[in-house]
Structures are given as structure tokens and as C-alpha cells.
Amino acid sequence: MVQAMINISERSNRMLNIVKAKFGLRDKSQAINKLTELFGQEIEHIDAREEYVKEIIQLCDEHSKKYPARKMTLSELDELCEAN
């Protein structure tokens, strides 16, 4: 589990208290987790920016030119994405 100290606005604090009460949660950490469960999928399915997609395609093309006889593995693609 990750721990974080965060600064939130008064309004956010009130909203977390409402989520806590509505779902019978013990603390604001659970309220934040509940909100990410409820709304996380919407955020995950947002399309990538066009510039990012172009950059990934360029990285894949460069890799293909450097290693024409083999395919890029998912872990290699992850490494390329993290490096940039």
C-alpha cells in the first residue's frame, strides 16, 4: 500500500466526508479509493494524445530498423515508453 500526504481544498474535504458517510467508510483513504473505483475506468479509457501515439509509432519504427529480424516484446515497448 502506498501512503501519501496530500493537500486538498475545503470543498474536496467536504466531498470526501460525504462519500465516507454514503458508503459507510472508516476514513478518507477509503473514500479516495471508492472514488477511484467509481470513476477510474472512465479515466483509463480516455484516448491517448495524438502526439504520444506518433511518438510510440516512431519508437517502434526505430526499433524495427535497428533489429529487423525480430519483433519487439511488450517489456521492450514498456522500457521505450518509460525512457521517453
N, C-alpha and C. Protein backbone atom coordinates (compact mmCIF):
# COMPACT_ATOMS: atom_id res chain seq x y z
N MET A 1 0.84 -1.17 0.00
CA MET A 1 0.00 0.00 0.00
C MET A 1 0.89 1.24 0.00
N VAL A 2 0.47 2.23 -0.75
CA VAL A 2 1.20 3.49 -0.87
C VAL A 2 0.60 4.50 0.09
N GLN A 3 1.45 5.23 0.78
CA GLN A 3 0.97 6.28 1.66
C GLN A 3 1.35 7.62 1.05
N ALA A 4 0.46 8.60 1.19
CA ALA A 4 0.72 9.92 0.63
C ALA A 4 0.13 10.98 1.54
N MET A 5 0.87 12.05 1.70
CA MET A 5 0.34 13.21 2.40
C MET A 5 -0.11 14.18 1.32
N ILE A 6 -1.39 14.58 1.35
CA ILE A 6 -1.93 15.43 0.29
C ILE A 6 -2.56 16.68 0.88
N ASN A 7 -2.61 17.72 0.08
CA ASN A 7 -3.32 18.96 0.43
C ASN A 7 -4.57 19.01 -0.43
N ILE A 8 -5.73 19.16 0.19
CA ILE A 8 -6.98 19.24 -0.56
C ILE A 8 -7.74 20.49 -0.14
N SER A 9 -8.61 20.93 -1.01
CA SER A 9 -9.40 22.11 -0.71
C SER A 9 -10.50 21.77 0.30
N GLU A 10 -11.10 22.79 0.87
CA GLU A 10 -12.21 22.58 1.81
C GLU A 10 -13.36 21.85 1.13
N ARG A 11 -13.63 22.21 -0.12
CA ARG A 11 -14.71 21.56 -0.86
C ARG A 11 -14.41 20.08 -1.06
N SER A 12 -13.18 19.75 -1.43
CA SER A 12 -12.79 18.35 -1.60
C SER A 12 -12.91 17.60 -0.29
N ASN A 13 -12.54 18.24 0.79
CA ASN A 13 -12.67 17.63 2.11
C ASN A 13 -14.13 17.30 2.42
N ARG A 14 -15.02 18.25 2.12
CA ARG A 14 -16.46 18.01 2.35
C ARG A 14 -16.97 16.86 1.48
N MET A 15 -16.51 16.83 0.22
CA MET A 15 -16.95 15.77 -0.68
C MET A 15 -16.47 14.40 -0.20
N LEU A 16 -15.24 14.33 0.30
CA LEU A 16 -14.74 13.07 0.84
C LEU A 16 -15.56 12.63 2.06
N ASN A 17 -15.93 13.60 2.89
CA ASN A 17 -16.77 13.26 4.05
C ASN A 17 -18.14 12.73 3.61
N ILE A 18 -18.69 13.28 2.53
CA ILE A 18 -19.97 12.80 2.01
C ILE A 18 -19.82 11.38 1.48
N VAL A 19 -18.75 11.12 0.74
CA VAL A 19 -18.51 9.76 0.22
C VAL A 19 -18.33 8.79 1.38
N LYS A 20 -17.59 9.21 2.38
CA LYS A 20 -17.39 8.38 3.58
C LYS A 20 -18.72 7.99 4.20
N ALA A 21 -19.58 8.98 4.41
CA ALA A 21 -20.87 8.74 5.05
C ALA A 21 -21.79 7.88 4.16
N LYS A 22 -21.82 8.20 2.89
CA LYS A 22 -22.72 7.50 1.97
C LYS A 22 -22.41 6.01 1.88
N PHE A 23 -21.13 5.65 1.87
CA PHE A 23 -20.73 4.27 1.71
C PHE A 23 -20.29 3.61 3.02
N GLY A 24 -20.42 4.31 4.13
CA GLY A 24 -20.07 3.74 5.44
C GLY A 24 -18.61 3.40 5.58
N LEU A 25 -17.76 4.29 5.11
CA LEU A 25 -16.32 4.04 5.14
C LEU A 25 -15.70 4.59 6.42
N ARG A 26 -14.55 4.04 6.80
CA ARG A 26 -13.90 4.44 8.04
C ARG A 26 -13.14 5.75 7.95
N ASP A 27 -12.46 5.96 6.80
CA ASP A 27 -11.61 7.15 6.71
C ASP A 27 -11.58 7.69 5.28
N LYS A 28 -10.88 8.80 5.12
CA LYS A 28 -10.83 9.46 3.82
C LYS A 28 -10.01 8.66 2.81
N SER A 29 -9.08 7.85 3.28
CA SER A 29 -8.33 6.98 2.37
C SER A 29 -9.28 6.02 1.67
N GLN A 30 -10.20 5.46 2.42
CA GLN A 30 -11.18 4.56 1.83
C GLN A 30 -12.10 5.34 0.88
N ALA A 31 -12.41 6.57 1.21
CA ALA A 31 -13.25 7.40 0.34
C ALA A 31 -12.55 7.68 -0.99
N ILE A 32 -11.27 7.97 -0.94
CA ILE A 32 -10.50 8.19 -2.16
C ILE A 32 -10.46 6.92 -2.99
N ASN A 33 -10.23 5.78 -2.35
CA ASN A 33 -10.22 4.50 -3.06
C ASN A 33 -11.58 4.23 -3.70
N LYS A 34 -12.66 4.55 -2.99
CA LYS A 34 -14.00 4.34 -3.54
C LYS A 34 -14.22 5.21 -4.77
N LEU A 35 -13.79 6.47 -4.71
CA LEU A 35 -13.93 7.36 -5.85
C LEU A 35 -13.14 6.85 -7.06
N THR A 36 -11.94 6.31 -6.82
CA THR A 36 -11.17 5.78 -7.94
C THR A 36 -11.82 4.53 -8.51
N GLU A 37 -12.46 3.72 -7.67
CA GLU A 37 -13.21 2.57 -8.18
C GLU A 37 -14.36 3.03 -9.06
N LEU A 38 -15.08 4.06 -8.61
CA LEU A 38 -16.26 4.53 -9.32
C LEU A 38 -15.92 5.23 -10.63
N PHE A 39 -14.87 6.03 -10.63
CA PHE A 39 -14.58 6.87 -11.78
C PHE A 39 -13.28 6.52 -12.51
N GLY A 40 -12.51 5.60 -11.98
CA GLY A 40 -11.22 5.26 -12.58
C GLY A 40 -11.33 4.71 -13.98
N GLN A 41 -12.33 3.87 -14.24
CA GLN A 41 -12.46 3.29 -15.57
C GLN A 41 -12.72 4.34 -16.63
N GLU A 42 -13.48 5.37 -16.28
CA GLU A 42 -13.73 6.45 -17.23
C GLU A 42 -12.42 7.12 -17.63
N ILE A 43 -11.54 7.33 -16.67
CA ILE A 43 -10.27 8.00 -16.93
C ILE A 43 -9.33 7.08 -17.71
N GLU A 44 -9.31 5.79 -17.37
CA GLU A 44 -8.43 4.85 -18.05
C GLU A 44 -8.73 4.72 -19.53
N HIS A 45 -9.97 4.92 -19.91
CA HIS A 45 -10.36 4.73 -21.30
C HIS A 45 -10.30 6.00 -22.14
N ILE A 46 -9.72 7.05 -21.59
CA ILE A 46 -9.51 8.27 -22.37
C ILE A 46 -8.43 7.98 -23.40
N ASP A 47 -8.68 8.37 -24.63
CA ASP A 47 -7.73 8.11 -25.71
C ASP A 47 -6.43 8.88 -25.48
N ALA A 48 -5.33 8.26 -25.91
CA ALA A 48 -4.02 8.89 -25.81
C ALA A 48 -3.95 10.09 -26.76
N ARG A 49 -3.17 11.07 -26.39
CA ARG A 49 -2.97 12.23 -27.26
C ARG A 49 -2.30 11.80 -28.55
N GLU A 50 -2.63 12.47 -29.62
CA GLU A 50 -2.09 12.11 -30.94
C GLU A 50 -0.57 12.17 -30.96
N GLU A 51 0.02 13.17 -30.29
CA GLU A 51 1.49 13.30 -30.26
C GLU A 51 2.12 12.08 -29.60
N TYR A 52 1.49 11.59 -28.53
CA TYR A 52 2.02 10.43 -27.82
C TYR A 52 1.99 9.19 -28.71
N VAL A 53 0.87 9.00 -29.43
CA VAL A 53 0.74 7.85 -30.33
C VAL A 53 1.79 7.92 -31.42
N LYS A 54 2.00 9.10 -32.00
CA LYS A 54 3.01 9.27 -33.04
C LYS A 54 4.41 8.95 -32.50
N GLU A 55 4.68 9.36 -31.29
CA GLU A 55 5.99 9.10 -30.69
C GLU A 55 6.20 7.60 -30.50
N ILE A 56 5.18 6.89 -30.04
CA ILE A 56 5.28 5.45 -29.84
C ILE A 56 5.50 4.75 -31.18
N ILE A 57 4.77 5.18 -32.22
CA ILE A 57 4.95 4.59 -33.55
C ILE A 57 6.37 4.82 -34.05
N GLN A 58 6.90 6.02 -33.83
CA GLN A 58 8.26 6.34 -34.25
C GLN A 58 9.27 5.45 -33.50
N LEU A 59 9.08 5.28 -32.20
CA LEU A 59 9.98 4.43 -31.43
C LEU A 59 9.95 2.99 -31.93
N CYS A 60 8.75 2.50 -32.26
CA CYS A 60 8.63 1.14 -32.78
C CYS A 60 9.32 1.01 -34.13
N ASP A 61 9.17 2.03 -34.99
CA ASP A 61 9.84 2.01 -36.29
C ASP A 61 11.36 2.00 -36.13
N GLU A 62 11.86 2.81 -35.22
CA GLU A 62 13.31 2.85 -34.97
C GLU A 62 13.80 1.49 -34.48
N HIS A 63 13.04 0.87 -33.62
CA HIS A 63 13.41 -0.45 -33.10
C HIS A 63 13.41 -1.47 -34.22
N SER A 64 12.41 -1.40 -35.11
CA SER A 64 12.32 -2.34 -36.23
C SER A 64 13.51 -2.19 -37.17
N LYS A 65 13.96 -0.95 -37.38
CA LYS A 65 15.12 -0.73 -38.24
C LYS A 65 16.40 -1.23 -37.59
N LYS A 66 16.48 -1.07 -36.28
CA LYS A 66 17.68 -1.49 -35.54
C LYS A 66 17.74 -3.02 -35.44
N TYR A 67 16.58 -3.66 -35.26
CA TYR A 67 16.50 -5.11 -35.12
C TYR A 67 15.46 -5.66 -36.11
N PRO A 68 15.79 -5.70 -37.41
CA PRO A 68 14.78 -6.07 -38.40
C PRO A 68 14.32 -7.53 -38.33
N ALA A 69 15.12 -8.40 -37.79
CA ALA A 69 14.79 -9.83 -37.80
C ALA A 69 13.92 -10.26 -36.63
N ARG A 70 13.67 -9.39 -35.67
CA ARG A 70 12.89 -9.82 -34.51
C ARG A 70 11.82 -8.82 -34.16
N LYS A 71 10.82 -9.30 -33.44
CA LYS A 71 9.70 -8.47 -33.01
C LYS A 71 10.01 -7.88 -31.64
N MET A 72 9.43 -6.73 -31.34
CA MET A 72 9.59 -6.08 -30.06
C MET A 72 8.67 -6.76 -29.04
N THR A 73 9.21 -7.07 -27.88
CA THR A 73 8.40 -7.65 -26.82
C THR A 73 7.66 -6.53 -26.08
N LEU A 74 6.65 -6.91 -25.32
CA LEU A 74 5.92 -5.92 -24.54
C LEU A 74 6.81 -5.25 -23.51
N SER A 75 7.71 -6.00 -22.91
CA SER A 75 8.61 -5.39 -21.92
C SER A 75 9.56 -4.39 -22.58
N GLU A 76 10.00 -4.67 -23.81
CA GLU A 76 10.85 -3.72 -24.52
C GLU A 76 10.07 -2.45 -24.87
N LEU A 77 8.81 -2.61 -25.25
CA LEU A 77 7.97 -1.45 -25.53
C LEU A 77 7.77 -0.63 -24.27
N ASP A 78 7.54 -1.28 -23.14
CA ASP A 78 7.41 -0.57 -21.86
C ASP A 78 8.67 0.22 -21.54
N GLU A 79 9.85 -0.40 -21.77
CA GLU A 79 11.11 0.29 -21.50
C GLU A 79 11.25 1.53 -22.38
N LEU A 80 10.89 1.40 -23.65
CA LEU A 80 10.97 2.55 -24.55
C LEU A 80 10.04 3.67 -24.10
N CYS A 81 8.85 3.32 -23.68
CA CYS A 81 7.88 4.32 -23.23
C CYS A 81 8.34 5.02 -21.97
N GLU A 82 8.93 4.28 -21.04
CA GLU A 82 9.39 4.85 -19.79
C GLU A 82 10.62 5.72 -19.99
N ALA A 83 11.44 5.39 -21.00
CA ALA A 83 12.67 6.14 -21.24
C ALA A 83 12.38 7.52 -21.81
N ASN A 84 11.23 7.67 -22.43
CA ASN A 84 10.91 8.96 -23.08
C ASN A 84 9.94 9.72 -22.33
